[in-house]
């Protein structure tokens, strides 16, 4: 499956296996609507595999096609986006 010409390799539940099988070296979280439980799951998977991760941030940025990658903040985890 492709999203904006970028291959989607699986779901968040598959993330650890995908990271290991595909030798992924960084994860970009592009789910602006993700709740804190989903975000925590993604971060835990990345940390378990010892790879860096960033988030795309605001839905408006994604809609405008000007997404800005940034570090995941404590506010993201607390749902204060």
Protein backbone atom coordinates (compact mmCIF):
# COMPACT_ATOMS: atom_id res chain seq x y z
CA UNK A 1 0.00 0.00 0.00
CA UNK A 2 1.25 3.50 -0.83
CA UNK A 3 0.41 6.78 0.89
CA UNK A 4 1.72 9.83 -0.99
CA UNK A 5 4.08 7.49 -2.87
CA UNK A 6 5.54 6.18 0.39
CA UNK A 7 5.20 2.47 1.05
CA UNK A 8 3.26 1.51 4.18
CA UNK A 9 4.85 -1.64 5.55
CA UNK A 10 2.28 -2.54 8.21
CA UNK A 11 0.41 -1.35 11.26
CA UNK A 12 1.66 0.02 14.57
CA UNK A 13 1.20 -3.49 15.98
CA UNK A 14 3.71 -4.78 13.39
CA UNK A 15 6.27 -2.04 14.04
CA UNK A 16 8.89 -3.97 16.04
CA UNK A 17 8.97 -6.80 13.52
CA UNK A 18 9.12 -4.39 10.57
CA UNK A 19 12.00 -2.45 12.15
CA UNK A 20 13.96 -5.65 12.65
CA UNK A 21 13.11 -7.33 9.32
CA UNK A 22 13.64 -4.27 7.11
CA UNK A 23 16.64 -2.89 9.02
CA UNK A 24 14.87 0.44 9.59
CA UNK A 25 17.14 3.13 11.07
CA UNK A 26 14.58 5.86 11.92
CA UNK A 27 10.81 6.07 12.34
CA UNK A 28 8.66 9.07 11.39
CA UNK A 29 5.34 9.08 13.20
CA UNK A 30 2.83 10.50 10.72
CA UNK A 31 -0.38 9.97 12.70
CA UNK A 32 -1.47 13.41 13.91
CA UNK A 33 -4.66 11.92 15.33
CA UNK A 34 -2.84 9.27 17.40
CA UNK A 35 -3.96 9.12 21.00
CA UNK A 36 -1.37 8.96 23.76
CA UNK A 37 -1.72 5.16 24.14
CA UNK A 38 -0.94 4.61 20.45
CA UNK A 39 1.92 7.11 20.54
CA UNK A 40 3.38 5.43 23.65
CA UNK A 41 3.17 2.03 21.91
CA UNK A 42 5.05 3.36 18.87
CA UNK A 43 7.71 4.99 21.06
CA UNK A 44 8.13 1.82 23.13
CA UNK A 45 8.64 -0.20 19.94
CA UNK A 46 11.28 2.25 18.69
CA UNK A 47 13.06 2.35 22.04
CA UNK A 48 13.06 -1.46 22.28
CA UNK A 49 14.79 -1.54 18.87
CA UNK A 50 17.10 1.33 19.84
CA UNK A 51 16.21 3.53 16.87
CA UNK A 52 15.39 7.26 16.80
CA UNK A 53 11.89 8.53 16.09
CA UNK A 54 10.25 11.84 15.25
CA UNK A 55 6.69 13.02 14.79
CA UNK A 56 5.12 15.00 11.97
CA UNK A 57 3.18 17.19 14.35
CA UNK A 58 0.05 19.09 13.48
CA UNK A 59 -2.64 17.81 11.13
CA UNK A 60 -2.70 21.24 9.48
CA UNK A 61 0.93 20.79 8.43
CA UNK A 62 0.16 17.42 6.86
CA UNK A 63 -2.90 18.78 5.03
CA UNK A 64 -0.87 21.73 3.73
CA UNK A 65 1.81 19.26 2.61
CA UNK A 66 4.43 21.13 4.62
CA UNK A 67 5.01 18.66 7.46
CA UNK A 68 7.77 19.54 9.86
CA UNK A 69 9.52 16.70 11.65
CA UNK A 70 10.20 17.28 15.33
CA UNK A 71 11.13 15.38 18.44
CA UNK A 72 8.25 13.82 20.38
CA UNK A 73 7.53 16.02 23.39
CA UNK A 74 6.07 15.25 26.80
CA UNK A 75 2.97 17.21 25.71
CA UNK A 76 2.44 14.69 22.91
CA UNK A 77 2.45 11.87 25.43
CA UNK A 78 0.12 13.71 27.79
CA UNK A 79 -2.32 14.51 24.99
CA UNK A 80 -1.78 18.25 25.16
CA UNK A 81 -0.82 18.58 21.47
